[in-house]
Amino acid sequence: MTIKTNGIPLWVTIIAIVLGLYCTATGIMGLVDASSVTDFVAGADNLAVSWAGRMAGTGIVLVLAVLLRNAHAYTVAFAAAIFRELGDLIAALSGTAEGMPLIVVLIVLVIDIVAFGIAFRASRKA
């Protein structure tokens, strides 16, 4: 089985796999143990579990896009990843978050936007 999708460069597929596995793993860990969530605040278990579900959902969609080998699925998956990263960006800019450094969040956001653009263009040709 190949992971090549028409119109999707290999580097976008690799990013989708890496982000997908990372998001799925951290999301599942957060669903099992809310205190493992980045920037966990005591008493905010429901918020942490919601964050974990969002992470797991985004990760699963990214992995499914790779498995389905479909440009439309990549477009949807990276759209979700953009909004996941926007939430992280807002948290990083708040000055109270201790999660990922702002520069890491910005780099991943830019990669998500570029990958979305590539996938969207590929889906228009499909």
N, C-alpha and C. Protein backbone atom coordinates (compact mmCIF):
# COMPACT_ATOMS: atom_id res chain seq x y z
N MET A 1 0.84 -1.18 0.00
CA MET A 1 0.00 0.00 0.00
C MET A 1 0.89 1.25 0.00
N THR A 2 0.53 2.21 -0.78
CA THR A 2 1.27 3.46 -0.86
C THR A 2 0.51 4.56 -0.11
N ILE A 3 1.25 5.54 0.38
CA ILE A 3 0.60 6.66 1.06
C ILE A 3 0.50 7.87 0.15
N LYS A 4 0.92 7.73 -1.10
CA LYS A 4 0.91 8.84 -2.05
C LYS A 4 -0.52 9.20 -2.44
N THR A 5 -0.81 10.49 -2.37
CA THR A 5 -2.10 11.02 -2.77
C THR A 5 -1.88 11.96 -3.94
N ASN A 6 -2.68 11.86 -4.98
CA ASN A 6 -2.53 12.73 -6.15
C ASN A 6 -2.62 14.19 -5.75
N GLY A 7 -1.59 14.96 -6.15
CA GLY A 7 -1.57 16.39 -5.89
C GLY A 7 -1.06 16.79 -4.53
N ILE A 8 -0.79 15.82 -3.66
CA ILE A 8 -0.30 16.10 -2.31
C ILE A 8 1.17 15.70 -2.23
N PRO A 9 2.07 16.68 -2.00
CA PRO A 9 3.49 16.34 -1.88
C PRO A 9 3.76 15.43 -0.69
N LEU A 10 4.83 14.65 -0.78
CA LEU A 10 5.17 13.72 0.29
C LEU A 10 5.38 14.44 1.63
N TRP A 11 5.96 15.64 1.61
CA TRP A 11 6.21 16.33 2.88
C TRP A 11 4.91 16.67 3.60
N VAL A 12 3.85 16.96 2.85
CA VAL A 12 2.55 17.25 3.47
C VAL A 12 2.00 15.98 4.11
N THR A 13 2.18 14.86 3.44
CA THR A 13 1.74 13.58 4.00
C THR A 13 2.51 13.26 5.28
N ILE A 14 3.81 13.50 5.27
CA ILE A 14 4.62 13.24 6.47
C ILE A 14 4.17 14.14 7.62
N ILE A 15 3.91 15.42 7.33
CA ILE A 15 3.41 16.34 8.36
C ILE A 15 2.07 15.84 8.90
N ALA A 16 1.19 15.40 8.01
CA ALA A 16 -0.12 14.90 8.44
C ALA A 16 0.04 13.68 9.35
N ILE A 17 0.97 12.80 9.02
CA ILE A 17 1.19 11.61 9.84
C ILE A 17 1.75 12.00 11.21
N VAL A 18 2.79 12.84 11.22
CA VAL A 18 3.42 13.23 12.49
C VAL A 18 2.44 13.99 13.38
N LEU A 19 1.77 15.01 12.81
CA LEU A 19 0.80 15.77 13.60
C LEU A 19 -0.37 14.89 14.02
N GLY A 20 -0.80 14.02 13.11
CA GLY A 20 -1.92 13.14 13.42
C GLY A 20 -1.63 12.21 14.58
N LEU A 21 -0.45 11.59 14.55
CA LEU A 21 -0.08 10.69 15.64
C LEU A 21 0.13 11.44 16.95
N TYR A 22 0.78 12.61 16.88
CA TYR A 22 1.02 13.42 18.08
C TYR A 22 -0.31 13.86 18.70
N CYS A 23 -1.20 14.41 17.88
CA CYS A 23 -2.49 14.90 18.39
C CYS A 23 -3.33 13.76 18.95
N THR A 24 -3.35 12.64 18.26
CA THR A 24 -4.13 11.50 18.73
C THR A 24 -3.59 10.99 20.06
N ALA A 25 -2.27 10.83 20.16
CA ALA A 25 -1.66 10.31 21.40
C ALA A 25 -1.88 11.26 22.57
N THR A 26 -1.61 12.56 22.37
CA THR A 26 -1.78 13.50 23.49
C THR A 26 -3.26 13.65 23.85
N GLY A 27 -4.12 13.57 22.85
CA GLY A 27 -5.54 13.66 23.12
C GLY A 27 -6.05 12.48 23.92
N ILE A 28 -5.65 11.29 23.55
CA ILE A 28 -6.08 10.09 24.28
C ILE A 28 -5.53 10.12 25.70
N MET A 29 -4.26 10.54 25.85
CA MET A 29 -3.68 10.64 27.20
C MET A 29 -4.50 11.61 28.05
N GLY A 30 -4.91 12.74 27.46
CA GLY A 30 -5.71 13.71 28.19
C GLY A 30 -7.10 13.21 28.53
N LEU A 31 -7.66 12.37 27.67
CA LEU A 31 -8.97 11.80 27.96
C LEU A 31 -8.88 10.80 29.11
N VAL A 32 -7.77 10.08 29.19
CA VAL A 32 -7.56 9.11 30.27
C VAL A 32 -7.20 9.79 31.58
N ASP A 33 -6.32 10.83 31.48
CA ASP A 33 -5.85 11.54 32.68
C ASP A 33 -5.83 13.03 32.38
N ALA A 34 -6.85 13.75 32.81
CA ALA A 34 -6.98 15.18 32.51
C ALA A 34 -5.79 15.98 32.99
N SER A 35 -5.14 15.56 34.04
CA SER A 35 -4.00 16.33 34.56
C SER A 35 -2.77 16.26 33.67
N SER A 36 -2.77 15.37 32.66
CA SER A 36 -1.64 15.28 31.73
C SER A 36 -1.71 16.32 30.62
N VAL A 37 -2.81 17.06 30.55
CA VAL A 37 -3.01 18.06 29.51
C VAL A 37 -2.08 19.26 29.75
N THR A 38 -1.51 19.78 28.66
CA THR A 38 -0.65 20.96 28.74
C THR A 38 -1.39 22.10 29.41
N ASP A 39 -0.71 22.82 30.31
CA ASP A 39 -1.29 23.95 31.04
C ASP A 39 -2.48 23.57 31.91
N PHE A 40 -2.51 22.32 32.38
CA PHE A 40 -3.62 21.88 33.23
C PHE A 40 -3.73 22.77 34.46
N VAL A 41 -4.95 23.15 34.78
CA VAL A 41 -5.24 23.95 35.97
C VAL A 41 -6.12 23.11 36.87
N ALA A 42 -5.72 22.98 38.13
CA ALA A 42 -6.51 22.19 39.08
C ALA A 42 -7.94 22.72 39.10
N GLY A 43 -8.89 21.80 39.04
CA GLY A 43 -10.30 22.16 39.06
C GLY A 43 -10.89 22.36 37.67
N ALA A 44 -10.05 22.33 36.64
CA ALA A 44 -10.53 22.54 35.28
C ALA A 44 -10.54 21.23 34.49
N ASP A 45 -10.91 20.15 35.15
CA ASP A 45 -10.88 18.84 34.51
C ASP A 45 -11.75 18.78 33.26
N ASN A 46 -12.95 19.39 33.32
CA ASN A 46 -13.83 19.36 32.15
C ASN A 46 -13.22 20.09 30.96
N LEU A 47 -12.57 21.21 31.22
CA LEU A 47 -11.91 21.95 30.15
C LEU A 47 -10.76 21.14 29.57
N ALA A 48 -10.00 20.49 30.43
CA ALA A 48 -8.88 19.67 29.97
C ALA A 48 -9.37 18.51 29.11
N VAL A 49 -10.44 17.88 29.51
CA VAL A 49 -10.99 16.76 28.75
C VAL A 49 -11.52 17.26 27.40
N SER A 50 -12.12 18.44 27.37
CA SER A 50 -12.58 19.02 26.10
C SER A 50 -11.40 19.27 25.17
N TRP A 51 -10.32 19.83 25.72
CA TRP A 51 -9.10 20.06 24.94
C TRP A 51 -8.58 18.73 24.38
N ALA A 52 -8.55 17.71 25.23
CA ALA A 52 -8.05 16.41 24.82
C ALA A 52 -8.89 15.81 23.70
N GLY A 53 -10.19 15.96 23.80
CA GLY A 53 -11.06 15.46 22.73
C GLY A 53 -10.83 16.17 21.42
N ARG A 54 -10.60 17.47 21.49
CA ARG A 54 -10.30 18.26 20.29
C ARG A 54 -8.99 17.79 19.66
N MET A 55 -8.00 17.56 20.50
CA MET A 55 -6.70 17.09 20.00
C MET A 55 -6.84 15.71 19.35
N ALA A 56 -7.51 14.79 20.04
CA ALA A 56 -7.67 13.45 19.50
C ALA A 56 -8.46 13.47 18.19
N GLY A 57 -9.51 14.27 18.15
CA GLY A 57 -10.32 14.37 16.93
C GLY A 57 -9.52 14.91 15.76
N THR A 58 -8.74 15.95 15.99
CA THR A 58 -7.91 16.52 14.93
C THR A 58 -6.89 15.49 14.46
N GLY A 59 -6.29 14.78 15.40
CA GLY A 59 -5.29 13.76 15.05
C GLY A 59 -5.88 12.65 14.21
N ILE A 60 -7.04 12.18 14.61
CA ILE A 60 -7.68 11.08 13.88
C ILE A 60 -8.04 11.51 12.46
N VAL A 61 -8.52 12.73 12.31
CA VAL A 61 -8.87 13.23 10.97
C VAL A 61 -7.63 13.33 10.09
N LEU A 62 -6.50 13.77 10.65
CA LEU A 62 -5.26 13.85 9.88
C LEU A 62 -4.81 12.45 9.44
N VAL A 63 -4.86 11.49 10.34
CA VAL A 63 -4.45 10.12 10.00
C VAL A 63 -5.41 9.53 8.97
N LEU A 64 -6.70 9.77 9.13
CA LEU A 64 -7.67 9.26 8.15
C LEU A 64 -7.45 9.86 6.76
N ALA A 65 -7.08 11.13 6.71
CA ALA A 65 -6.80 11.76 5.41
C ALA A 65 -5.69 11.01 4.69
N VAL A 66 -4.66 10.64 5.44
CA VAL A 66 -3.54 9.89 4.85
C VAL A 66 -4.02 8.51 4.39
N LEU A 67 -4.77 7.84 5.24
CA LEU A 67 -5.24 6.49 4.90
C LEU A 67 -6.22 6.49 3.72
N LEU A 68 -7.06 7.53 3.64
CA LEU A 68 -8.03 7.61 2.55
C LEU A 68 -7.39 8.04 1.23
N ARG A 69 -6.20 8.65 1.33
CA ARG A 69 -5.47 9.14 0.14
C ARG A 69 -6.39 10.00 -0.73
N ASN A 70 -6.97 11.02 -0.09
CA ASN A 70 -7.95 11.86 -0.77
C ASN A 70 -7.65 13.32 -0.46
N ALA A 71 -7.50 14.14 -1.50
CA ALA A 71 -7.16 15.56 -1.32
C ALA A 71 -8.25 16.30 -0.55
N HIS A 72 -9.49 15.92 -0.73
CA HIS A 72 -10.58 16.56 0.01
C HIS A 72 -10.43 16.30 1.51
N ALA A 73 -10.08 15.09 1.87
CA ALA A 73 -9.89 14.74 3.28
C ALA A 73 -8.71 15.53 3.86
N TYR A 74 -7.65 15.69 3.10
CA TYR A 74 -6.51 16.50 3.55
C TYR A 74 -6.95 17.94 3.80
N THR A 75 -7.78 18.47 2.91
CA THR A 75 -8.25 19.85 3.05
C THR A 75 -9.02 20.02 4.36
N VAL A 76 -9.94 19.12 4.62
CA VAL A 76 -10.72 19.19 5.85
C VAL A 76 -9.82 19.01 7.08
N ALA A 77 -8.91 18.07 7.03
CA ALA A 77 -8.03 17.78 8.16
C ALA A 77 -7.15 18.98 8.49
N PHE A 78 -6.58 19.62 7.48
CA PHE A 78 -5.72 20.76 7.76
C PHE A 78 -6.52 22.00 8.14
N ALA A 79 -7.77 22.09 7.70
CA ALA A 79 -8.63 23.18 8.19
C ALA A 79 -8.84 23.02 9.69
N ALA A 80 -9.11 21.80 10.13
CA ALA A 80 -9.26 21.55 11.57
C ALA A 80 -7.96 21.86 12.31
N ALA A 81 -6.83 21.49 11.72
CA ALA A 81 -5.53 21.73 12.36
C ALA A 81 -5.25 23.22 12.49
N ILE A 82 -5.68 24.01 11.51
CA ILE A 82 -5.49 25.46 11.58
C ILE A 82 -6.22 26.03 12.79
N PHE A 83 -7.46 25.62 12.99
CA PHE A 83 -8.23 26.14 14.11
C PHE A 83 -7.70 25.62 15.45
N ARG A 84 -7.18 24.40 15.46
CA ARG A 84 -6.53 23.89 16.67
C ARG A 84 -5.34 24.76 17.01
N GLU A 85 -4.56 25.11 16.01
CA GLU A 85 -3.37 25.92 16.23
C GLU A 85 -3.73 27.37 16.58
N LEU A 86 -4.83 27.88 16.01
CA LEU A 86 -5.27 29.24 16.39
C LEU A 86 -5.61 29.30 17.88
N GLY A 87 -6.25 28.26 18.39
CA GLY A 87 -6.54 28.21 19.82
C GLY A 87 -5.26 28.22 20.64
N ASP A 88 -4.26 27.46 20.18
CA ASP A 88 -2.97 27.44 20.88
C ASP A 88 -2.27 28.78 20.78
N LEU A 89 -2.43 29.47 19.64
CA LEU A 89 -1.81 30.78 19.45
C LEU A 89 -2.42 31.79 20.43
N ILE A 90 -3.73 31.79 20.54
CA ILE A 90 -4.39 32.71 21.46
C ILE A 90 -3.94 32.44 22.89
N ALA A 91 -3.83 31.17 23.25
CA ALA A 91 -3.36 30.82 24.60
C ALA A 91 -1.92 31.28 24.80
N ALA A 92 -1.06 31.08 23.78
CA ALA A 92 0.35 31.49 23.90
C ALA A 92 0.48 33.00 24.02
N LEU A 93 -0.38 33.74 23.33
CA LEU A 93 -0.33 35.21 23.39
C LEU A 93 -0.89 35.76 24.71
N SER A 94 -1.62 34.94 25.45
CA SER A 94 -2.22 35.41 26.70
C SER A 94 -1.17 35.71 27.76
N GLY A 95 0.00 35.13 27.60
CA GLY A 95 1.07 35.37 28.56
C GLY A 95 0.95 34.54 29.82
N THR A 96 -0.14 33.81 29.97
CA THR A 96 -0.31 32.99 31.17
C THR A 96 -0.10 31.51 30.88
N ALA A 97 -0.02 31.15 29.60
CA ALA A 97 0.13 29.75 29.22
C ALA A 97 1.59 29.33 29.35
N GLU A 98 1.78 28.09 29.74
CA GLU A 98 3.13 27.55 29.85
C GLU A 98 3.35 26.42 28.86
N GLY A 99 2.52 26.33 27.84
CA GLY A 99 2.62 25.27 26.85
C GLY A 99 3.73 25.53 25.85
N MET A 100 3.46 25.25 24.61
CA MET A 100 4.45 25.42 23.55
C MET A 100 4.85 26.88 23.43
N PRO A 101 6.14 27.14 23.16
CA PRO A 101 6.57 28.52 22.94
C PRO A 101 5.87 29.12 21.71
N LEU A 102 5.67 30.41 21.74
CA LEU A 102 4.97 31.10 20.66
C LEU A 102 5.56 30.80 19.29
N ILE A 103 6.88 30.75 19.17
CA ILE A 103 7.51 30.52 17.87
C ILE A 103 7.15 29.14 17.32
N VAL A 104 7.07 28.14 18.18
CA VAL A 104 6.68 26.80 17.74
C VAL A 104 5.24 26.81 17.24
N VAL A 105 4.37 27.46 17.97
CA VAL A 105 2.96 27.56 17.58
C VAL A 105 2.84 28.25 16.22
N LEU A 106 3.57 29.34 16.03
CA LEU A 106 3.52 30.07 14.75
C LEU A 106 4.04 29.22 13.60
N ILE A 107 5.12 28.49 13.82
CA ILE A 107 5.68 27.64 12.76
C ILE A 107 4.68 26.57 12.35
N VAL A 108 4.08 25.91 13.34
CA VAL A 108 3.11 24.85 13.02
C VAL A 108 1.88 25.46 12.34
N LEU A 109 1.45 26.63 12.76
CA LEU A 109 0.31 27.29 12.12
C LEU A 109 0.61 27.60 10.66
N VAL A 110 1.78 28.12 10.38
CA VAL A 110 2.16 28.42 8.99
C VAL A 110 2.20 27.13 8.16
N ILE A 111 2.77 26.07 8.71
CA ILE A 111 2.81 24.79 8.00
C ILE A 111 1.39 24.30 7.73
N ASP A 112 0.51 24.40 8.71
CA ASP A 112 -0.89 23.98 8.52
C ASP A 112 -1.57 24.79 7.41
N ILE A 113 -1.33 26.09 7.38
CA ILE A 113 -1.94 26.95 6.36
C ILE A 113 -1.42 26.60 4.97
N VAL A 114 -0.12 26.41 4.85
CA VAL A 114 0.47 26.04 3.55
C VAL A 114 -0.06 24.68 3.10
N ALA A 115 -0.09 23.70 4.01
CA ALA A 115 -0.59 22.37 3.67
C ALA A 115 -2.06 22.43 3.27
N PHE A 116 -2.85 23.26 3.97
CA PHE A 116 -4.25 23.44 3.61
C PHE A 116 -4.36 23.98 2.18
N GLY A 117 -3.57 25.00 1.86
CA GLY A 117 -3.60 25.58 0.51
C GLY A 117 -3.26 24.56 -0.57
N ILE A 118 -2.24 23.76 -0.32
CA ILE A 118 -1.85 22.72 -1.28
C ILE A 118 -2.96 21.70 -1.43
N ALA A 119 -3.53 21.26 -0.31
CA ALA A 119 -4.60 20.27 -0.37
C ALA A 119 -5.85 20.82 -1.05
N PHE A 120 -6.16 22.08 -0.76
CA PHE A 120 -7.34 22.70 -1.39
C PHE A 120 -7.15 22.78 -2.90
N ARG A 121 -5.96 23.20 -3.33
CA ARG A 121 -5.68 23.27 -4.77
C ARG A 121 -5.76 21.89 -5.40
N ALA A 122 -5.23 20.87 -4.72
CA ALA A 122 -5.30 19.50 -5.24
C ALA A 122 -6.73 19.00 -5.31
N SER A 123 -7.54 19.39 -4.34
CA SER A 123 -8.94 18.93 -4.33
C SER A 123 -9.75 19.59 -5.46
N ARG A 124 -9.35 20.79 -5.85
CA ARG A 124 -10.06 21.46 -6.97
C ARG A 124 -9.76 20.78 -8.30
N LYS A 125 -8.63 20.11 -8.39
CA LYS A 125 -8.23 19.41 -9.61
C LYS A 125 -8.76 17.98 -9.65
N ALA A 126 -9.20 17.48 -8.50
CA ALA A 126 -9.64 16.07 -8.41
C ALA A 126 -11.01 15.89 -9.04
